[in-house]
Protein backbone atom coordinates (compact mmCIF):
# COMPACT_ATOMS: atom_id res chain seq x y z
CA UNK A 1 9.67 -13.06 -26.30
CA UNK A 2 11.91 -13.10 -23.24
CA UNK A 3 11.40 -12.40 -19.55
CA UNK A 4 13.88 -9.53 -19.88
CA UNK A 5 11.70 -7.91 -22.55
CA UNK A 6 8.63 -8.33 -20.37
CA UNK A 7 10.43 -6.84 -17.36
CA UNK A 8 11.52 -3.83 -19.41
CA UNK A 9 8.01 -3.37 -20.84
CA UNK A 10 6.46 -3.57 -17.37
CA UNK A 11 8.87 -1.03 -15.92
CA UNK A 12 8.54 1.45 -18.79
CA UNK A 13 4.75 1.25 -18.43
CA UNK A 14 5.01 1.83 -14.68
CA UNK A 15 7.52 4.70 -14.80
CA UNK A 16 6.14 6.22 -18.02
CA UNK A 17 9.61 6.73 -19.45
CA UNK A 18 12.47 4.98 -21.25
CA UNK A 19 15.17 6.94 -19.43
CA UNK A 20 13.79 6.30 -15.95
CA UNK A 21 13.36 2.59 -16.73
CA UNK A 22 16.93 2.39 -18.05
CA UNK A 23 18.22 4.08 -14.90
CA UNK A 24 16.27 1.71 -12.64
CA UNK A 25 17.55 -1.34 -14.55
CA UNK A 26 21.12 -0.08 -14.89
CA UNK A 27 21.16 -0.39 -18.69
CA UNK A 28 21.30 2.08 -21.58
CA UNK A 29 18.23 3.81 -22.95
CA UNK A 30 18.96 2.37 -26.38
CA UNK A 31 18.80 -1.14 -24.88
CA UNK A 32 15.37 -0.33 -23.43
CA UNK A 33 14.15 1.07 -26.76
CA UNK A 34 15.46 -1.97 -28.63
CA UNK A 35 13.73 -4.40 -26.24
CA UNK A 36 10.39 -2.59 -26.60
CA UNK A 37 10.70 -2.36 -30.39
CA UNK A 38 11.50 -6.08 -30.68
CA UNK A 39 8.58 -7.01 -28.45
CA UNK A 40 6.18 -4.83 -30.44
CA UNK A 41 7.40 -6.35 -33.71
CA UNK A 42 6.96 -9.87 -32.37
CA UNK A 43 3.44 -9.18 -31.07
CA UNK A 44 2.46 -7.03 -34.03
CA UNK A 45 0.91 -4.25 -31.92
CA UNK A 46 1.94 -0.89 -30.51
CA UNK A 47 2.46 -1.36 -26.78
CA UNK A 48 3.46 2.19 -25.87
CA UNK A 49 2.43 5.59 -27.17
CA UNK A 50 5.30 8.06 -27.33
CA UNK A 51 4.66 11.64 -26.34
CA UNK A 52 7.33 14.34 -26.08
CA UNK A 53 8.95 13.52 -22.73
CA UNK A 54 6.63 10.74 -21.60
CA UNK A 55 5.22 7.45 -22.78
CA UNK A 56 2.03 5.66 -21.81
CA UNK A 57 0.63 2.21 -22.56
CA UNK A 58 -1.69 1.92 -25.54
CA UNK A 59 -5.11 0.36 -25.02
CA UNK A 60 -3.74 -3.10 -25.81
CA UNK A 61 -0.57 -2.24 -23.92
CA UNK A 62 -2.58 -1.64 -20.73
CA UNK A 63 -4.08 -5.08 -21.10
CA UNK A 64 -0.85 -6.86 -21.96
CA UNK A 65 1.21 -5.25 -19.19
CA UNK A 66 -1.02 -7.09 -16.70
CA UNK A 67 -0.29 -10.34 -18.53
CA UNK A 68 3.42 -9.51 -18.51
CA UNK A 69 3.40 -8.92 -14.75
CA UNK A 70 1.53 -12.18 -14.23
CA UNK A 71 4.15 -14.06 -16.27
CA UNK A 72 6.98 -12.34 -14.40
CA UNK A 73 5.30 -13.23 -11.11
CA UNK A 74 5.00 -16.89 -12.08
CA UNK A 75 8.63 -16.93 -13.24
CA UNK A 76 9.67 -15.44 -9.91
CA UNK A 77 7.61 -18.08 -8.09
CA UNK A 78 9.32 -20.85 -10.06
CA UNK A 79 12.73 -19.43 -9.21
CA UNK A 80 11.82 -19.16 -5.54
CA UNK A 81 10.37 -22.66 -5.40
CA UNK A 82 13.66 -23.93 -6.80
CA UNK A 83 15.49 -21.80 -4.24
CA UNK A 84 13.19 -23.16 -1.55
CA UNK A 85 14.37 -26.65 -2.41
CA UNK A 86 17.89 -25.37 -1.78
CA UNK A 87 16.92 -23.70 1.50
CA UNK A 88 15.39 -20.48 0.08
CA UNK A 89 18.77 -18.79 -0.16
CA UNK A 90 17.72 -16.36 -2.88
CA UNK A 91 14.60 -14.52 -3.97
CA UNK A 92 12.68 -11.26 -3.94
CA UNK A 93 9.68 -10.15 -1.90
CA UNK A 94 7.77 -6.99 -2.89
CA UNK A 95 5.64 -5.56 -0.07
CA UNK A 96 3.06 -2.77 -0.19
CA UNK A 97 2.52 -0.82 3.01
CA UNK A 98 0.21 2.06 3.98
CA UNK A 99 0.30 4.55 6.81
CA UNK A 100 1.94 4.38 10.23
CA UNK A 101 -0.01 1.31 11.36
CA UNK A 102 1.63 -1.04 8.88
CA UNK A 103 4.81 0.89 8.09
CA UNK A 104 5.80 1.73 11.66
CA UNK A 105 3.94 -0.75 13.89
CA UNK A 106 3.46 -4.04 12.04
CA UNK A 107 6.09 -4.23 9.31
CA UNK A 108 9.18 -3.69 11.54
CA UNK A 109 8.00 -6.43 13.90
CA UNK A 110 7.72 -8.88 11.01
CA UNK A 111 10.79 -7.84 9.04
CA UNK A 112 13.33 -8.29 11.82
CA UNK A 113 12.74 -12.04 12.36
CA UNK A 114 12.01 -12.54 8.65
CA UNK A 115 15.37 -11.09 7.61
CA UNK A 116 17.09 -13.18 10.28
CA UNK A 117 15.44 -16.37 9.02
CA UNK A 118 15.84 -15.60 5.30
CA UNK A 119 18.84 -13.30 4.80
CA UNK A 120 19.06 -14.16 1.08
CA UNK A 121 15.60 -12.77 0.29
CA UNK A 122 15.76 -9.25 -1.13
CA UNK A 123 12.87 -7.23 0.30
CA UNK A 124 11.39 -4.27 -1.61
CA UNK A 125 8.90 -2.02 0.22
CA UNK A 126 6.56 0.44 -1.52
CA UNK A 127 4.53 2.84 0.61
CA UNK A 128 1.36 4.62 -0.42
CA UNK A 129 -2.27 5.25 0.58
CA UNK A 130 -4.41 2.21 1.35
CA UNK A 131 -6.23 2.36 -2.00
CA UNK A 132 -2.91 2.46 -3.86
CA UNK A 133 -1.69 -0.72 -2.16
CA UNK A 134 -4.87 -2.42 -3.41
CA UNK A 135 -4.16 -1.14 -6.92
CA UNK A 136 -0.57 -2.42 -6.76
CA UNK A 137 -1.88 -5.86 -5.80
CA UNK A 138 -4.35 -5.89 -8.68
CA UNK A 139 -1.63 -4.82 -11.12
CA UNK A 140 0.82 -7.41 -9.69
CA UNK A 141 3.38 -4.73 -8.85
CA UNK A 142 3.74 -6.21 -5.36
CA UNK A 143 3.59 -9.76 -4.02
CA UNK A 144 1.83 -8.95 -0.76
CA UNK A 145 0.23 -5.88 0.77
CA UNK A 146 -1.11 -4.58 4.05
CA UNK A 147 -4.83 -3.77 3.64
CA UNK A 148 -7.86 -2.73 5.65
CA UNK A 149 -10.19 -5.73 5.85
CA UNK A 150 -12.48 -6.98 4.49
CA UNK A 151 -11.11 -7.19 0.95
CA UNK A 152 -13.07 -9.68 -1.11
CA UNK A 153 -10.84 -9.35 -4.18
CA UNK A 154 -7.87 -11.09 -2.56
CA UNK A 155 -6.82 -13.93 -0.31
CA UNK A 156 -6.45 -12.20 3.06
CA UNK A 157 -5.04 -12.86 6.53
CA UNK A 158 -6.15 -10.82 9.56
CA UNK A 159 -3.36 -9.54 11.81
CA UNK A 160 -4.64 -6.91 14.23
CA UNK A 161 -7.77 -5.00 15.19
CA UNK A 162 -8.00 -1.47 16.56
CA UNK A 163 -10.58 1.31 16.55
CA UNK A 164 -11.09 4.60 14.79
CA UNK A 165 -10.84 7.63 17.08
CA UNK A 166 -11.51 11.34 16.76
CA UNK A 167 -8.67 13.76 17.40
CA UNK A 168 -9.77 17.07 18.90
CA UNK A 169 -7.79 20.17 19.96
CA UNK A 170 -7.55 20.18 23.75
CA UNK A 171 -9.36 23.52 24.09
CA UNK A 172 -12.26 22.53 21.81
CA UNK A 173 -15.68 22.02 23.40
CA UNK A 174 -15.85 18.42 22.19
CA UNK A 175 -12.70 17.60 24.19
CA UNK A 176 -14.85 17.53 27.35
CA UNK A 177 -16.96 14.65 25.98
CA UNK A 178 -16.05 10.99 26.54
CA UNK A 179 -17.17 10.06 23.05
CA UNK A 180 -18.23 11.88 19.90
CA UNK A 181 -20.53 11.12 17.00
CA UNK A 182 -19.80 11.60 13.32
CA UNK A 183 -22.36 14.42 13.32
CA UNK A 184 -20.36 16.19 16.05
CA UNK A 185 -17.39 16.29 13.67
CA UNK A 186 -19.27 17.98 10.83
CA UNK A 187 -19.57 21.43 12.42
CA UNK A 188 -15.84 22.30 12.27
CA UNK A 189 -13.11 22.20 9.63
CA UNK A 190 -11.98 18.61 9.03
CA UNK A 191 -8.62 17.26 7.84
CA UNK A 192 -8.50 13.97 5.94
CA UNK A 193 -5.29 11.95 6.10
CA UNK A 194 -4.55 10.27 2.78
CA UNK A 195 -1.76 8.01 4.10
CA UNK A 196 -3.87 5.61 6.11
CA UNK A 197 -7.52 4.62 6.18
CA UNK A 198 -8.87 7.56 4.20
CA UNK A 199 -11.23 5.29 2.27
CA UNK A 200 -12.71 3.93 5.50
CA UNK A 201 -13.21 7.42 6.97
CA UNK A 202 -14.93 8.63 3.80
CA UNK A 203 -17.22 5.57 3.78
CA UNK A 204 -18.22 6.19 7.42
CA UNK A 205 -19.56 9.65 6.67
CA UNK A 206 -21.20 8.59 3.40
CA UNK A 207 -22.97 5.64 5.03
CA UNK A 208 -24.34 8.00 7.69
CA UNK A 209 -25.54 10.52 5.12
CA UNK A 210 -23.16 13.15 6.49
CA UNK A 211 -20.70 15.48 4.80
CA UNK A 212 -17.72 16.72 6.83
CA UNK A 213 -16.31 20.16 6.11
CA UNK A 214 -13.03 18.94 4.60
CA UNK A 215 -10.76 21.96 4.50
CA UNK A 216 -7.45 20.09 4.47
CA UNK A 217 -6.06 16.90 2.97
CA UNK A 218 -2.70 15.60 4.18
CA UNK A 219 -0.49 12.85 2.79
CA UNK A 220 1.30 12.41 6.12
CA UNK A 221 -0.12 11.70 9.58
CA UNK A 222 2.37 14.06 11.26
CA UNK A 223 1.00 16.96 9.25
CA UNK A 224 -2.52 15.98 10.31
CA UNK A 225 -1.53 15.87 13.98
CA UNK A 226 0.08 19.29 13.76
CA UNK A 227 -3.01 20.77 12.09
CA UNK A 228 -5.24 19.40 14.87
CA UNK A 229 -2.78 20.52 17.54
CA UNK A 230 -2.93 24.11 16.24
CA UNK A 231 -6.71 24.02 16.58
CA UNK A 232 -7.26 24.37 12.83
CA UNK A 233 -9.29 21.17 12.29
CA UNK A 234 -10.68 17.91 13.66
CA UNK A 235 -10.01 14.47 12.23
CA UNK A 236 -10.55 10.72 12.51
CA UNK A 237 -7.62 8.31 12.50
CA UNK A 238 -6.89 4.73 13.48
CA UNK A 239 -5.74 4.44 17.08
CA UNK A 240 -2.77 2.22 16.20
CA UNK A 241 -1.47 4.84 13.78
CA UNK A 242 -0.87 7.35 16.58
CA UNK A 243 2.67 7.83 17.92
CA UNK A 244 3.47 6.35 21.32
CA UNK A 245 4.56 9.70 22.72
CA UNK A 246 1.59 11.72 23.95
CA UNK A 247 0.84 15.26 22.73
CA UNK A 248 -1.01 17.40 25.27
CA UNK A 249 -2.30 19.76 22.56
CA UNK A 250 -5.01 17.33 21.38
CA UNK A 251 -7.13 14.54 22.85
CA UNK A 252 -8.43 11.33 21.28
CA UNK A 253 -12.03 10.36 21.77
CA UNK A 254 -13.83 7.14 20.85
CA UNK A 255 -16.51 7.34 18.19
CA UNK A 256 -20.11 6.68 19.17
CA UNK A 257 -21.01 4.11 18.08
CA UNK A 258 -17.59 2.49 18.15
CA UNK A 259 -15.94 1.80 14.80
CA UNK A 260 -13.51 -1.10 14.61
CA UNK A 261 -10.81 -1.47 11.98
CA UNK A 262 -9.04 -4.70 11.04
CA UNK A 263 -5.69 -4.71 9.27
CA UNK A 264 -4.26 -7.73 7.53
CA UNK A 265 -2.20 -9.02 4.65
CA UNK A 266 -3.47 -9.70 1.15
CA UNK A 267 -2.19 -11.60 -1.87
CA UNK A 268 -3.77 -11.80 -5.30
CA UNK A 269 -3.88 -15.60 -5.28
CA UNK A 270 -2.46 -17.76 -2.51
CA UNK A 271 -2.04 -20.66 -4.93
CA UNK A 272 0.43 -18.66 -7.00
CA UNK A 273 2.25 -17.04 -4.07
CA UNK A 274 6.01 -17.58 -3.92
CA UNK A 275 7.71 -19.43 -1.04
CA UNK A 276 9.13 -16.09 0.17
CA UNK A 277 5.61 -14.65 0.31
CA UNK A 278 4.17 -17.67 2.09
CA UNK A 279 7.02 -17.58 4.62
CA UNK A 280 6.25 -13.91 5.31
CA UNK A 281 2.56 -14.70 5.87
CA UNK A 282 3.33 -17.62 8.17
CA UNK A 283 5.66 -15.51 10.29
CA UNK A 284 3.27 -12.54 10.40
CA UNK A 285 0.43 -14.74 11.65
CA UNK A 286 2.59 -16.16 14.44
CA UNK A 287 3.37 -12.79 16.07
CA UNK A 288 1.57 -10.97 18.88
CA UNK A 289 1.13 -7.27 18.00
CA UNK A 290 -0.30 -6.10 21.32
């Protein structure tokens, strides 16, 4: 069993295909197939089920791919600790980011000084909804992720706090109010943004025993803002996710009672974090995001 075999297995399981994994790794499909076949023979189990144009992990394969990613993560940590002894000149850092708050506000502020201090570290950034970043952390697909706190499953580090606000078309009756309740937002069509704190918004309504009239779901905040601006729906978003440039077609109103949101970084286990990851955390905690 080699690290190369484990890397190939992990990638095939993630991408659900031999061809796509071969393309990502820059090797032939036959090399990918050979690596998987050799690993299966050595372990004595079927790791992947082949279907026409797609493959998926078997039951034992789903379990072992997590072990493989853990082993690859530890190997990467060993390599980076050795590199750290040489001045951390090489290494890889995989970051998970969600929504405009982390992708457009926080991450750029951290990456610029981080890249200047550690130019040899190769940074990979994956973007997805907040719940997907959590899943990537659990599956060890990323080293560190931006999350909405609290998150008891991980070691976490708080970075910034903002509040959830309602966005209302400027001509809507609610626009005249200084603050709105969750109940106020249940009488009109509602749009839920999947890119950011969708889980938090859903929990707010559920905890209050309310059901918004969700007519739209959007994967991008810009689409949500346009829908509200047209007067088609209301929504709730995090204040820090909003663009700096004002749009006079909608207004933002505080929720009553106020709902705070805290965003931070999370790692699966700080004790196993690589030097590149720990350096990223240290730098992120030193910055002022106001």
